Amino acid sequence: MATYSKKIMGKEIGDAMVYAEPHTPNGKMLKPVKMTDPNKQSAEETTPSSGSKRVSAGDPGRDDVKTTGIETRGNGCATKGRIARGPMC
């Protein structure tokens, strides 16, 4: 008999997924829920429970995000926000 749980002083320690499959309080198994990106839904697919849309943040899943730029002047001891990535005229 394999034991997947870890008990310390009579209490289960760790992630519940290790020792119990997702289920309801009365023991019925749950079906996985497929989540979709709210920004990629059409107006007909959007519901009040769809989640909030990112207006100006863009798509965080993109692979072509610009990470280079020039370091701006006058930052003092700032450690964040020192790189300018827009068009430099």
N, C-alpha and C. Protein backbone atom coordinates (compact mmCIF):
# COMPACT_ATOMS: atom_id res chain seq x y z
N MET A 1 0.85 -1.17 0.00
CA MET A 1 0.00 0.00 0.00
C MET A 1 0.89 1.24 0.00
N ALA A 2 0.70 2.12 -1.00
CA ALA A 2 1.50 3.33 -1.13
C ALA A 2 0.86 4.46 -0.34
N THR A 3 1.69 5.21 0.36
CA THR A 3 1.21 6.36 1.11
C THR A 3 1.73 7.62 0.43
N TYR A 4 0.82 8.50 0.05
CA TYR A 4 1.19 9.73 -0.65
C TYR A 4 1.13 10.95 0.26
N SER A 5 0.54 10.80 1.42
CA SER A 5 0.40 11.95 2.30
C SER A 5 1.59 12.03 3.24
N LYS A 6 1.74 13.19 3.83
CA LYS A 6 2.79 13.40 4.81
C LYS A 6 2.12 13.91 6.08
N LYS A 7 2.19 13.12 7.13
CA LYS A 7 1.56 13.50 8.39
C LYS A 7 2.64 13.84 9.41
N ILE A 8 2.42 14.96 10.09
CA ILE A 8 3.29 15.35 11.18
C ILE A 8 2.38 15.66 12.37
N MET A 9 2.59 14.96 13.46
CA MET A 9 1.78 15.12 14.67
C MET A 9 0.29 14.96 14.38
N GLY A 10 -0.07 14.04 13.50
CA GLY A 10 -1.46 13.74 13.21
C GLY A 10 -2.14 14.66 12.22
N LYS A 11 -1.39 15.63 11.64
CA LYS A 11 -1.98 16.56 10.68
C LYS A 11 -1.34 16.37 9.32
N GLU A 12 -2.16 16.54 8.27
CA GLU A 12 -1.65 16.46 6.90
C GLU A 12 -0.86 17.73 6.60
N ILE A 13 0.35 17.56 6.13
CA ILE A 13 1.22 18.69 5.81
C ILE A 13 1.47 18.67 4.31
N GLY A 14 1.42 19.83 3.68
CA GLY A 14 1.73 19.91 2.26
C GLY A 14 0.50 20.17 1.42
N ASP A 15 0.68 20.04 0.12
CA ASP A 15 -0.37 20.31 -0.85
C ASP A 15 -1.43 19.22 -0.80
N ALA A 16 -2.69 19.62 -0.82
CA ALA A 16 -3.79 18.65 -0.78
C ALA A 16 -3.83 17.79 -2.03
N MET A 17 -3.28 18.27 -3.14
CA MET A 17 -3.29 17.48 -4.38
C MET A 17 -2.47 16.20 -4.23
N VAL A 18 -1.57 16.15 -3.26
CA VAL A 18 -0.73 14.98 -3.06
C VAL A 18 -1.56 13.82 -2.52
N TYR A 19 -2.47 14.11 -1.60
CA TYR A 19 -3.19 13.03 -0.95
C TYR A 19 -4.68 12.98 -1.27
N ALA A 20 -5.22 13.94 -2.04
CA ALA A 20 -6.64 13.90 -2.37
C ALA A 20 -6.88 14.51 -3.74
N GLU A 21 -7.63 13.82 -4.57
CA GLU A 21 -8.05 14.36 -5.84
C GLU A 21 -9.09 15.45 -5.60
N PRO A 22 -9.23 16.44 -6.51
CA PRO A 22 -10.24 17.48 -6.31
C PRO A 22 -11.65 16.88 -6.24
N HIS A 23 -12.40 17.24 -5.19
CA HIS A 23 -13.74 16.67 -5.00
C HIS A 23 -14.61 17.66 -4.24
N THR A 24 -15.92 17.41 -4.28
CA THR A 24 -16.88 18.23 -3.55
C THR A 24 -16.94 17.75 -2.10
N PRO A 25 -17.58 18.51 -1.21
CA PRO A 25 -17.66 18.08 0.19
C PRO A 25 -18.34 16.73 0.39
N ASN A 26 -19.23 16.34 -0.53
CA ASN A 26 -19.87 15.03 -0.37
C ASN A 26 -19.16 13.93 -1.14
N GLY A 27 -17.97 14.18 -1.67
CA GLY A 27 -17.14 13.13 -2.24
C GLY A 27 -17.19 12.95 -3.74
N LYS A 28 -17.98 13.73 -4.46
CA LYS A 28 -18.05 13.59 -5.91
C LYS A 28 -16.82 14.26 -6.55
N MET A 29 -16.30 13.62 -7.59
CA MET A 29 -15.11 14.15 -8.25
C MET A 29 -15.47 15.38 -9.08
N LEU A 30 -14.55 16.34 -9.14
CA LEU A 30 -14.75 17.56 -9.92
C LEU A 30 -14.17 17.41 -11.31
N LYS A 31 -14.80 18.05 -12.28
CA LYS A 31 -14.29 18.07 -13.65
C LYS A 31 -13.39 19.29 -13.81
N PRO A 32 -12.31 19.18 -14.57
CA PRO A 32 -11.44 20.34 -14.77
C PRO A 32 -12.16 21.44 -15.55
N VAL A 33 -11.88 22.69 -15.20
CA VAL A 33 -12.50 23.85 -15.84
C VAL A 33 -11.50 24.45 -16.80
N LYS A 34 -11.91 24.63 -18.05
CA LYS A 34 -11.03 25.21 -19.05
C LYS A 34 -11.16 26.74 -18.99
N MET A 35 -10.05 27.41 -18.69
CA MET A 35 -10.05 28.86 -18.60
C MET A 35 -9.59 29.43 -19.95
N THR A 36 -10.25 30.50 -20.40
CA THR A 36 -9.85 31.17 -21.63
C THR A 36 -9.42 32.59 -21.29
N ASP A 37 -8.57 33.15 -22.13
CA ASP A 37 -8.10 34.51 -21.93
C ASP A 37 -9.24 35.47 -22.23
N PRO A 38 -9.61 36.36 -21.28
CA PRO A 38 -10.72 37.27 -21.51
C PRO A 38 -10.49 38.23 -22.68
N ASN A 39 -9.23 38.56 -22.97
CA ASN A 39 -8.96 39.48 -24.08
C ASN A 39 -9.17 38.83 -25.43
N LYS A 40 -9.18 37.51 -25.49
CA LYS A 40 -9.35 36.82 -26.76
C LYS A 40 -10.79 36.37 -26.99
N GLN A 41 -11.70 36.77 -26.12
CA GLN A 41 -13.11 36.42 -26.28
C GLN A 41 -13.82 37.49 -27.08
N SER A 42 -14.79 37.07 -27.86
CA SER A 42 -15.61 38.03 -28.58
C SER A 42 -16.66 38.60 -27.63
N ALA A 43 -17.37 39.62 -28.08
CA ALA A 43 -18.40 40.24 -27.24
C ALA A 43 -19.51 39.25 -26.90
N GLU A 44 -19.81 38.32 -27.81
CA GLU A 44 -20.86 37.35 -27.55
C GLU A 44 -20.43 36.32 -26.51
N GLU A 45 -19.13 36.02 -26.44
CA GLU A 45 -18.63 35.02 -25.49
C GLU A 45 -18.42 35.60 -24.10
N THR A 46 -18.33 36.91 -23.97
CA THR A 46 -18.04 37.54 -22.69
C THR A 46 -19.25 37.50 -21.78
N THR A 47 -19.04 37.07 -20.55
CA THR A 47 -20.08 37.03 -19.53
C THR A 47 -19.60 37.81 -18.31
N PRO A 48 -20.47 38.11 -17.36
CA PRO A 48 -20.01 38.81 -16.15
C PRO A 48 -18.96 38.04 -15.36
N SER A 49 -18.92 36.72 -15.50
CA SER A 49 -17.92 35.94 -14.77
C SER A 49 -16.70 35.60 -15.62
N SER A 50 -16.52 36.27 -16.77
CA SER A 50 -15.39 35.99 -17.65
C SER A 50 -14.07 36.46 -17.10
N GLY A 51 -14.08 37.45 -16.24
CA GLY A 51 -12.83 38.02 -15.76
C GLY A 51 -12.62 39.38 -16.39
N SER A 52 -11.73 40.16 -15.82
CA SER A 52 -11.50 41.50 -16.34
C SER A 52 -10.50 41.47 -17.48
N LYS A 53 -10.69 42.37 -18.42
CA LYS A 53 -9.82 42.45 -19.58
C LYS A 53 -8.66 43.40 -19.31
N ARG A 54 -7.51 43.07 -19.88
CA ARG A 54 -6.35 43.96 -19.80
C ARG A 54 -6.49 44.98 -20.91
N VAL A 55 -6.58 46.24 -20.57
CA VAL A 55 -6.81 47.26 -21.59
C VAL A 55 -5.51 47.66 -22.24
N SER A 56 -4.51 48.05 -21.47
CA SER A 56 -3.28 48.53 -22.06
C SER A 56 -2.07 47.67 -21.73
N ALA A 57 -2.26 46.59 -21.02
CA ALA A 57 -1.12 45.77 -20.60
C ALA A 57 -0.63 44.88 -21.72
N GLY A 58 -1.42 44.65 -22.75
CA GLY A 58 -0.99 43.77 -23.82
C GLY A 58 -1.15 42.31 -23.44
N ASP A 59 -0.63 41.45 -24.27
CA ASP A 59 -0.73 40.02 -24.05
C ASP A 59 0.54 39.54 -23.34
N PRO A 60 0.45 39.09 -22.07
CA PRO A 60 1.65 38.66 -21.37
C PRO A 60 2.23 37.35 -21.91
N GLY A 61 1.49 36.64 -22.73
CA GLY A 61 1.97 35.39 -23.27
C GLY A 61 2.79 35.53 -24.55
N ARG A 62 2.97 36.75 -25.03
CA ARG A 62 3.73 36.95 -26.26
C ARG A 62 5.20 36.63 -26.07
N ASP A 63 5.84 36.18 -27.14
CA ASP A 63 7.26 35.84 -27.07
C ASP A 63 8.15 36.97 -27.56
N ASP A 64 7.60 37.99 -28.22
CA ASP A 64 8.43 39.03 -28.80
C ASP A 64 8.42 40.32 -27.97
N VAL A 65 8.44 40.19 -26.65
CA VAL A 65 8.43 41.34 -25.77
C VAL A 65 9.81 41.99 -25.78
N LYS A 66 9.85 43.31 -25.95
CA LYS A 66 11.12 44.02 -26.01
C LYS A 66 11.71 44.15 -24.61
N THR A 67 12.94 43.71 -24.44
CA THR A 67 13.59 43.77 -23.13
C THR A 67 14.84 44.63 -23.15
N THR A 68 15.20 45.21 -24.28
CA THR A 68 16.39 46.04 -24.35
C THR A 68 15.98 47.49 -24.48
N GLY A 69 16.91 48.40 -24.28
CA GLY A 69 16.64 49.82 -24.40
C GLY A 69 17.86 50.60 -23.93
N ILE A 70 17.66 51.90 -23.69
CA ILE A 70 18.77 52.71 -23.20
C ILE A 70 18.47 53.12 -21.77
N GLU A 71 19.54 53.26 -20.98
CA GLU A 71 19.36 53.67 -19.60
C GLU A 71 19.22 55.18 -19.56
N THR A 72 18.18 55.65 -18.89
CA THR A 72 17.92 57.08 -18.83
C THR A 72 18.80 57.74 -17.78
N ARG A 73 18.90 59.05 -17.85
CA ARG A 73 19.74 59.80 -16.92
C ARG A 73 18.92 60.29 -15.73
N GLY A 74 19.62 60.66 -14.66
CA GLY A 74 18.97 61.29 -13.52
C GLY A 74 18.19 60.36 -12.63
N ASN A 75 18.60 59.12 -12.50
CA ASN A 75 17.86 58.17 -11.69
C ASN A 75 18.35 58.10 -10.25
N GLY A 76 19.53 58.61 -9.97
CA GLY A 76 20.06 58.51 -8.61
C GLY A 76 20.28 57.06 -8.23
N CYS A 77 19.72 56.65 -7.10
CA CYS A 77 19.92 55.27 -6.66
C CYS A 77 18.73 54.38 -7.03
N ALA A 78 17.94 54.78 -8.02
CA ALA A 78 16.79 53.97 -8.44
C ALA A 78 17.28 52.64 -9.00
N THR A 79 16.55 51.59 -8.71
CA THR A 79 16.93 50.27 -9.22
C THR A 79 15.92 49.74 -10.22
N LYS A 80 14.74 50.36 -10.31
CA LYS A 80 13.73 49.89 -11.26
C LYS A 80 13.28 51.06 -12.12
N GLY A 81 12.90 50.78 -13.33
CA GLY A 81 12.40 51.81 -14.22
C GLY A 81 13.47 52.70 -14.79
N ARG A 82 14.67 52.17 -14.99
CA ARG A 82 15.76 53.00 -15.50
C ARG A 82 15.93 52.84 -17.01
N ILE A 83 15.28 51.91 -17.62
CA ILE A 83 15.45 51.61 -19.04
C ILE A 83 14.28 52.18 -19.82
N ALA A 84 14.60 52.96 -20.89
CA ALA A 84 13.58 53.51 -21.79
C ALA A 84 13.52 52.61 -23.02
N ARG A 85 12.34 52.12 -23.36
CA ARG A 85 12.21 51.14 -24.46
C ARG A 85 11.44 51.69 -25.66
N GLY A 86 10.99 52.90 -25.62
CA GLY A 86 10.21 53.45 -26.72
C GLY A 86 11.08 54.02 -27.81
N PRO A 87 10.48 54.68 -28.82
CA PRO A 87 11.28 55.30 -29.88
C PRO A 87 12.04 56.51 -29.34
N MET A 88 13.33 56.56 -29.62
CA MET A 88 14.17 57.67 -29.16
C MET A 88 14.47 58.57 -30.35
N CYS A 89 13.85 59.72 -30.40
CA CYS A 89 14.04 60.63 -31.52
C CYS A 89 15.16 61.60 -31.26
